[in-house]
Amino acid sequence: MSDHYQSSGNSSHIGYVPEVRTSYHEPIFVGGQIVDSEWRQIKIERDHGLVGIPDGYFDAKLRENDLWGFTQAQAIRWWFMARADGERAMGSMCLETRLVKVKLLETYEKKSIGFSDSLDWRGKPIEIPEEAKP
């Protein structure tokens, strides 16, 4: 079998996870999410209409791994603070946000594992002599 379809490689991407916690003495509820004294990921749906934060141009791999680009993560942390201001009398007071920087490493390998029958221009299988088969 020919190995001309073999390749391998790796890539890395930097993504961010926006997190929130509160210094308030009891948990609070913001944007459908409970916020307490533990750092927790800010959860939002990746719906462009809901939040208005589009993914970055090269962010497909980040999206697959629940990560955001830096600009998008910054927007999410501030969107969350603004939402708290709109939902609670205390607003964003006692809320803290941060971005966790994550390096995403990927490796891949591509290898031919088989072939289909050869067909002629009419779609009929071509008989290949035994001595010509790979």
N, C-alpha and C. Protein backbone atom coordinates (compact mmCIF):
# COMPACT_ATOMS: atom_id res chain seq x y z
N MET A 1 0.85 -1.17 0.00
CA MET A 1 0.00 0.00 0.00
C MET A 1 0.90 1.24 0.00
N SER A 2 0.51 2.20 -0.79
CA SER A 2 1.28 3.43 -0.89
C SER A 2 1.17 4.22 0.41
N ASP A 3 2.26 4.87 0.77
CA ASP A 3 2.24 5.68 1.99
C ASP A 3 2.21 7.17 1.68
N HIS A 4 1.81 7.55 0.47
CA HIS A 4 1.83 8.97 0.12
C HIS A 4 0.71 9.76 0.79
N TYR A 5 -0.14 9.13 1.54
CA TYR A 5 -1.15 9.85 2.32
C TYR A 5 -0.81 9.85 3.80
N GLN A 6 0.45 9.65 4.11
CA GLN A 6 0.87 9.67 5.50
C GLN A 6 1.39 11.05 5.87
N SER A 7 1.01 11.50 7.03
CA SER A 7 1.57 12.73 7.58
C SER A 7 1.29 12.75 9.07
N SER A 8 2.00 13.59 9.76
CA SER A 8 1.76 13.77 11.18
C SER A 8 2.24 15.17 11.55
N GLY A 9 1.81 15.63 12.68
CA GLY A 9 2.21 16.95 13.11
C GLY A 9 1.60 17.31 14.44
N ASN A 10 1.80 18.54 14.83
CA ASN A 10 1.22 19.01 16.08
C ASN A 10 0.96 20.50 15.97
N SER A 11 0.16 20.98 16.87
CA SER A 11 -0.13 22.41 16.91
C SER A 11 -0.43 22.79 18.36
N SER A 12 -0.32 24.06 18.61
CA SER A 12 -0.68 24.55 19.94
C SER A 12 -1.48 25.83 19.78
N HIS A 13 -2.37 26.05 20.69
CA HIS A 13 -3.23 27.23 20.70
C HIS A 13 -3.30 27.74 22.14
N ILE A 14 -3.41 29.03 22.29
CA ILE A 14 -3.61 29.62 23.61
C ILE A 14 -5.07 30.05 23.71
N GLY A 15 -5.72 29.59 24.74
CA GLY A 15 -7.10 29.96 24.99
C GLY A 15 -7.27 30.41 26.43
N TYR A 16 -8.44 30.93 26.71
CA TYR A 16 -8.71 31.47 28.04
C TYR A 16 -10.05 30.99 28.56
N VAL A 17 -10.12 30.86 29.88
CA VAL A 17 -11.35 30.51 30.57
C VAL A 17 -11.67 31.66 31.53
N PRO A 18 -12.76 32.40 31.29
CA PRO A 18 -13.14 33.44 32.25
C PRO A 18 -13.78 32.83 33.49
N GLU A 19 -13.32 33.25 34.67
CA GLU A 19 -13.84 32.71 35.92
C GLU A 19 -14.33 33.84 36.82
N VAL A 20 -15.19 33.46 37.76
CA VAL A 20 -15.76 34.42 38.70
C VAL A 20 -15.86 33.80 40.08
N ARG A 21 -15.79 34.64 41.09
CA ARG A 21 -16.07 34.24 42.47
C ARG A 21 -16.55 35.50 43.20
N THR A 22 -17.03 35.31 44.42
CA THR A 22 -17.47 36.45 45.22
C THR A 22 -16.76 36.45 46.57
N SER A 23 -16.56 37.62 47.08
CA SER A 23 -16.00 37.74 48.43
C SER A 23 -17.13 37.92 49.45
N TYR A 24 -18.37 37.90 48.96
CA TYR A 24 -19.53 38.02 49.84
C TYR A 24 -19.62 36.77 50.71
N HIS A 25 -20.17 36.87 51.90
CA HIS A 25 -20.16 35.75 52.86
C HIS A 25 -21.11 34.60 52.50
N GLU A 26 -22.00 34.80 51.55
CA GLU A 26 -22.86 33.69 51.10
C GLU A 26 -22.97 33.71 49.58
N PRO A 27 -23.31 32.57 48.98
CA PRO A 27 -23.40 32.51 47.52
C PRO A 27 -24.47 33.47 46.98
N ILE A 28 -24.23 33.93 45.76
CA ILE A 28 -25.19 34.79 45.08
C ILE A 28 -25.53 34.17 43.74
N PHE A 29 -26.58 34.66 43.12
CA PHE A 29 -27.07 34.13 41.86
C PHE A 29 -26.98 35.23 40.81
N VAL A 30 -26.20 34.99 39.75
CA VAL A 30 -26.02 35.98 38.68
C VAL A 30 -26.11 35.27 37.33
N GLY A 31 -26.97 35.78 36.47
CA GLY A 31 -27.04 35.25 35.11
C GLY A 31 -27.31 33.76 35.04
N GLY A 32 -28.13 33.26 35.94
CA GLY A 32 -28.43 31.84 35.94
C GLY A 32 -27.33 30.97 36.51
N GLN A 33 -26.37 31.57 37.17
CA GLN A 33 -25.22 30.85 37.70
C GLN A 33 -25.02 31.20 39.16
N ILE A 34 -24.75 30.19 39.97
CA ILE A 34 -24.44 30.43 41.38
C ILE A 34 -22.97 30.81 41.49
N VAL A 35 -22.70 31.88 42.20
CA VAL A 35 -21.34 32.36 42.41
C VAL A 35 -21.06 32.30 43.90
N ASP A 36 -19.99 31.60 44.26
CA ASP A 36 -19.60 31.52 45.66
C ASP A 36 -18.12 31.88 45.80
N SER A 37 -17.49 31.43 46.86
CA SER A 37 -16.09 31.83 47.12
C SER A 37 -15.07 31.04 46.30
N GLU A 38 -15.52 30.04 45.55
CA GLU A 38 -14.62 29.24 44.70
C GLU A 38 -14.59 29.83 43.29
N TRP A 39 -13.42 29.80 42.66
CA TRP A 39 -13.33 30.23 41.27
C TRP A 39 -14.09 29.25 40.40
N ARG A 40 -15.03 29.77 39.61
CA ARG A 40 -15.84 28.93 38.72
C ARG A 40 -15.90 29.57 37.34
N GLN A 41 -15.95 28.70 36.33
CA GLN A 41 -16.03 29.19 34.96
C GLN A 41 -17.32 29.96 34.74
N ILE A 42 -17.21 31.10 34.07
CA ILE A 42 -18.40 31.85 33.68
C ILE A 42 -19.01 31.10 32.50
N LYS A 43 -20.21 30.62 32.68
CA LYS A 43 -20.87 29.81 31.66
C LYS A 43 -21.83 30.68 30.86
N ILE A 44 -21.61 30.70 29.56
CA ILE A 44 -22.57 31.33 28.67
C ILE A 44 -22.72 30.44 27.44
N GLU A 45 -23.84 30.55 26.79
CA GLU A 45 -24.06 29.80 25.56
C GLU A 45 -23.27 30.47 24.44
N ARG A 46 -22.74 29.70 23.55
CA ARG A 46 -22.01 30.26 22.40
C ARG A 46 -23.00 30.60 21.30
N ASP A 47 -23.91 31.47 21.63
CA ASP A 47 -24.93 31.92 20.68
C ASP A 47 -24.65 33.39 20.40
N HIS A 48 -24.32 33.69 19.18
CA HIS A 48 -23.93 35.05 18.84
C HIS A 48 -25.03 36.06 19.14
N GLY A 49 -26.28 35.66 19.06
CA GLY A 49 -27.36 36.59 19.31
C GLY A 49 -27.56 36.89 20.79
N LEU A 50 -27.26 35.92 21.66
CA LEU A 50 -27.51 36.07 23.09
C LEU A 50 -26.59 37.10 23.73
N VAL A 51 -25.31 36.98 23.48
CA VAL A 51 -24.34 37.81 24.17
C VAL A 51 -23.73 38.86 23.24
N GLY A 52 -23.66 38.57 21.96
CA GLY A 52 -23.04 39.48 21.02
C GLY A 52 -21.53 39.39 21.02
N ILE A 53 -20.97 38.26 21.44
CA ILE A 53 -19.52 38.06 21.47
C ILE A 53 -19.18 36.98 20.44
N PRO A 54 -18.78 37.39 19.24
CA PRO A 54 -18.46 36.38 18.22
C PRO A 54 -17.13 35.71 18.51
N ASP A 55 -16.99 34.48 18.06
CA ASP A 55 -15.71 33.80 18.17
C ASP A 55 -14.69 34.52 17.29
N GLY A 56 -13.43 34.41 17.66
CA GLY A 56 -12.37 34.97 16.84
C GLY A 56 -12.23 34.19 15.54
N TYR A 57 -11.58 34.77 14.58
CA TYR A 57 -11.43 34.19 13.24
C TYR A 57 -10.80 32.80 13.29
N PHE A 58 -9.80 32.60 14.13
CA PHE A 58 -9.08 31.33 14.19
C PHE A 58 -9.46 30.49 15.42
N ASP A 59 -10.61 30.73 16.00
CA ASP A 59 -10.96 30.12 17.29
C ASP A 59 -11.71 28.80 17.23
N ALA A 60 -11.78 28.14 16.08
CA ALA A 60 -12.54 26.89 15.98
C ALA A 60 -12.01 25.84 16.96
N LYS A 61 -10.69 25.67 17.03
CA LYS A 61 -10.12 24.68 17.96
C LYS A 61 -10.38 25.06 19.41
N LEU A 62 -10.34 26.34 19.70
CA LEU A 62 -10.63 26.78 21.06
C LEU A 62 -12.08 26.45 21.41
N ARG A 63 -12.99 26.75 20.50
CA ARG A 63 -14.41 26.50 20.71
C ARG A 63 -14.66 25.01 20.99
N GLU A 64 -14.00 24.13 20.25
CA GLU A 64 -14.16 22.68 20.44
C GLU A 64 -13.75 22.24 21.85
N ASN A 65 -12.91 23.02 22.50
CA ASN A 65 -12.39 22.66 23.82
C ASN A 65 -12.87 23.60 24.92
N ASP A 66 -13.97 24.28 24.67
CA ASP A 66 -14.61 25.17 25.65
C ASP A 66 -13.66 26.27 26.13
N LEU A 67 -12.87 26.80 25.19
CA LEU A 67 -11.96 27.89 25.48
C LEU A 67 -12.34 29.10 24.62
N TRP A 68 -11.82 30.25 24.98
CA TRP A 68 -12.09 31.49 24.26
C TRP A 68 -10.78 32.17 23.90
N GLY A 69 -10.81 32.99 22.87
CA GLY A 69 -9.69 33.87 22.57
C GLY A 69 -9.60 34.94 23.65
N PHE A 70 -8.47 35.64 23.71
CA PHE A 70 -8.26 36.63 24.76
C PHE A 70 -9.30 37.75 24.72
N THR A 71 -9.55 38.29 23.56
CA THR A 71 -10.51 39.40 23.44
C THR A 71 -11.90 38.95 23.85
N GLN A 72 -12.30 37.76 23.41
CA GLN A 72 -13.62 37.24 23.75
C GLN A 72 -13.73 36.97 25.24
N ALA A 73 -12.69 36.42 25.85
CA ALA A 73 -12.71 36.14 27.29
C ALA A 73 -12.82 37.43 28.09
N GLN A 74 -12.12 38.47 27.65
CA GLN A 74 -12.23 39.77 28.32
C GLN A 74 -13.66 40.30 28.22
N ALA A 75 -14.25 40.18 27.04
CA ALA A 75 -15.63 40.65 26.85
C ALA A 75 -16.60 39.89 27.74
N ILE A 76 -16.37 38.58 27.88
CA ILE A 76 -17.26 37.77 28.73
C ILE A 76 -17.16 38.19 30.18
N ARG A 77 -15.97 38.41 30.69
CA ARG A 77 -15.84 38.79 32.10
C ARG A 77 -16.54 40.11 32.36
N TRP A 78 -16.43 41.07 31.43
CA TRP A 78 -17.08 42.37 31.62
C TRP A 78 -18.58 42.28 31.38
N TRP A 79 -19.00 41.41 30.45
CA TRP A 79 -20.44 41.17 30.23
C TRP A 79 -21.05 40.61 31.51
N PHE A 80 -20.34 39.70 32.17
CA PHE A 80 -20.85 39.10 33.40
C PHE A 80 -21.00 40.16 34.49
N MET A 81 -20.01 41.04 34.61
CA MET A 81 -20.09 42.12 35.61
C MET A 81 -21.26 43.05 35.29
N ALA A 82 -21.44 43.36 34.00
CA ALA A 82 -22.56 44.24 33.60
C ALA A 82 -23.89 43.56 33.89
N ARG A 83 -23.96 42.27 33.66
CA ARG A 83 -25.19 41.53 33.95
C ARG A 83 -25.50 41.58 35.45
N ALA A 84 -24.48 41.42 36.26
CA ALA A 84 -24.68 41.51 37.71
C ALA A 84 -25.21 42.88 38.09
N ASP A 85 -24.67 43.93 37.46
CA ASP A 85 -25.16 45.29 37.75
C ASP A 85 -26.63 45.44 37.38
N GLY A 86 -27.06 44.74 36.34
CA GLY A 86 -28.45 44.83 35.91
C GLY A 86 -29.41 43.96 36.69
N GLU A 87 -28.91 42.94 37.36
CA GLU A 87 -29.77 41.97 38.05
C GLU A 87 -29.86 42.16 39.56
N ARG A 88 -28.85 42.76 40.16
CA ARG A 88 -28.77 42.78 41.62
C ARG A 88 -28.65 44.20 42.14
N ALA A 89 -29.26 44.43 43.27
CA ALA A 89 -29.16 45.75 43.90
C ALA A 89 -27.71 46.07 44.25
N MET A 90 -26.94 45.03 44.62
CA MET A 90 -25.52 45.24 44.94
C MET A 90 -24.66 45.27 43.68
N GLY A 91 -25.27 44.99 42.53
CA GLY A 91 -24.53 45.01 41.27
C GLY A 91 -23.37 44.04 41.28
N SER A 92 -22.25 44.52 40.78
CA SER A 92 -21.08 43.67 40.70
C SER A 92 -20.18 43.79 41.94
N MET A 93 -20.65 44.53 42.94
CA MET A 93 -19.88 44.65 44.18
C MET A 93 -19.63 43.25 44.75
N CYS A 94 -18.46 43.01 45.23
CA CYS A 94 -18.02 41.73 45.82
C CYS A 94 -17.72 40.66 44.77
N LEU A 95 -17.85 40.95 43.49
CA LEU A 95 -17.49 39.98 42.45
C LEU A 95 -16.05 40.19 42.02
N GLU A 96 -15.37 39.10 41.75
CA GLU A 96 -14.01 39.13 41.21
C GLU A 96 -14.00 38.25 39.98
N THR A 97 -13.29 38.67 38.95
CA THR A 97 -13.14 37.84 37.75
C THR A 97 -11.66 37.71 37.42
N ARG A 98 -11.35 36.65 36.71
CA ARG A 98 -9.99 36.45 36.22
C ARG A 98 -10.06 35.62 34.94
N LEU A 99 -8.95 35.61 34.22
CA LEU A 99 -8.83 34.76 33.03
C LEU A 99 -7.77 33.71 33.30
N VAL A 100 -8.11 32.45 33.08
CA VAL A 100 -7.15 31.37 33.20
C VAL A 100 -6.60 31.12 31.80
N LYS A 101 -5.29 31.24 31.65
CA LYS A 101 -4.63 31.02 30.36
C LYS A 101 -4.34 29.53 30.20
N VAL A 102 -4.76 28.97 29.07
CA VAL A 102 -4.64 27.53 28.83
C VAL A 102 -3.91 27.30 27.51
N LYS A 103 -2.93 26.42 27.53
CA LYS A 103 -2.26 26.03 26.29
C LYS A 103 -2.85 24.71 25.82
N LEU A 104 -3.42 24.73 24.65
CA LEU A 104 -4.03 23.53 24.06
C LEU A 104 -3.03 22.92 23.09
N LEU A 105 -2.62 21.69 23.36
CA LEU A 105 -1.66 20.98 22.51
C LEU A 105 -2.37 19.86 21.78
N GLU A 106 -2.14 19.77 20.49
CA GLU A 106 -2.76 18.70 19.70
C GLU A 106 -1.72 18.05 18.80
N THR A 107 -1.83 16.75 18.66
CA THR A 107 -1.00 16.02 17.70
C THR A 107 -1.93 15.23 16.80
N TYR A 108 -1.48 14.99 15.59
CA TYR A 108 -2.30 14.20 14.68
C TYR A 108 -1.41 13.32 13.83
N GLU A 109 -2.01 12.26 13.33
CA GLU A 109 -1.34 11.36 12.40
C GLU A 109 -2.36 10.95 11.36
N LYS A 110 -1.96 10.99 10.12
CA LYS A 110 -2.83 10.59 9.01
C LYS A 110 -2.13 9.48 8.26
N LYS A 111 -2.86 8.36 8.01
CA LYS A 111 -2.24 7.21 7.36
C LYS A 111 -3.28 6.49 6.51
N SER A 112 -2.92 6.16 5.29
CA SER A 112 -3.81 5.38 4.42
C SER A 112 -4.00 4.00 5.02
N ILE A 113 -5.24 3.52 5.03
CA ILE A 113 -5.50 2.17 5.57
C ILE A 113 -6.18 1.27 4.56
N GLY A 114 -6.49 1.78 3.38
CA GLY A 114 -7.12 0.94 2.36
C GLY A 114 -7.56 1.77 1.18
N PHE A 115 -8.00 1.08 0.13
CA PHE A 115 -8.44 1.73 -1.10
C PHE A 115 -9.74 1.10 -1.57
N SER A 116 -10.51 1.87 -2.29
CA SER A 116 -11.71 1.31 -2.92
C SER A 116 -11.30 0.70 -4.27
N ASP A 117 -12.23 -0.03 -4.89
CA ASP A 117 -11.96 -0.58 -6.21
C ASP A 117 -11.80 0.55 -7.22
N SER A 118 -10.95 0.33 -8.22
CA SER A 118 -10.81 1.29 -9.31
C SER A 118 -11.99 1.13 -10.25
N LEU A 119 -12.54 2.25 -10.71
CA LEU A 119 -13.67 2.22 -11.62
C LEU A 119 -13.29 2.89 -12.94
N ASP A 120 -13.88 2.38 -14.04
CA ASP A 120 -13.64 3.05 -15.32
C ASP A 120 -14.65 4.19 -15.49
N TRP A 121 -14.63 4.81 -16.65
CA TRP A 121 -15.46 5.99 -16.87
C TRP A 121 -16.96 5.67 -16.86
N ARG A 122 -17.32 4.38 -16.96
CA ARG A 122 -18.73 3.98 -16.91
C ARG A 122 -19.14 3.56 -15.49
N GLY A 123 -18.17 3.58 -14.57
CA GLY A 123 -18.47 3.17 -13.20
C GLY A 123 -18.34 1.69 -12.96
N LYS A 124 -17.73 0.99 -13.90
CA LYS A 124 -17.54 -0.46 -13.75
C LYS A 124 -16.15 -0.74 -13.19
N PRO A 125 -16.05 -1.76 -12.32
CA PRO A 125 -14.74 -2.09 -11.75
C PRO A 125 -13.73 -2.45 -12.82
N ILE A 126 -12.50 -2.02 -12.62
CA ILE A 126 -11.41 -2.33 -13.54
C ILE A 126 -10.69 -3.55 -13.01
N GLU A 127 -10.50 -4.52 -13.89
CA GLU A 127 -9.76 -5.72 -13.51
C GLU A 127 -8.27 -5.40 -13.57
N ILE A 128 -7.60 -5.52 -12.44
CA ILE A 128 -6.17 -5.27 -12.35
C ILE A 128 -5.46 -6.61 -12.30
N PRO A 129 -4.51 -6.82 -13.21
CA PRO A 129 -3.77 -8.09 -13.19
C PRO A 129 -3.07 -8.26 -11.84
N GLU A 130 -2.98 -9.49 -11.40
CA GLU A 130 -2.40 -9.80 -10.10
C GLU A 130 -0.99 -9.23 -9.94
N GLU A 131 -0.18 -9.28 -10.99
CA GLU A 131 1.21 -8.79 -10.90
C GLU A 131 1.28 -7.25 -10.79
N ALA A 132 0.19 -6.55 -11.12
CA ALA A 132 0.19 -5.09 -11.05
C ALA A 132 -0.36 -4.56 -9.72
N LYS A 133 -0.91 -5.46 -8.90
CA LYS A 133 -1.49 -5.03 -7.63
C LYS A 133 -0.38 -4.69 -6.64
N PRO A 134 -0.60 -3.68 -5.81
CA PRO A 134 0.43 -3.30 -4.83
C PRO A 134 0.61 -4.34 -3.74
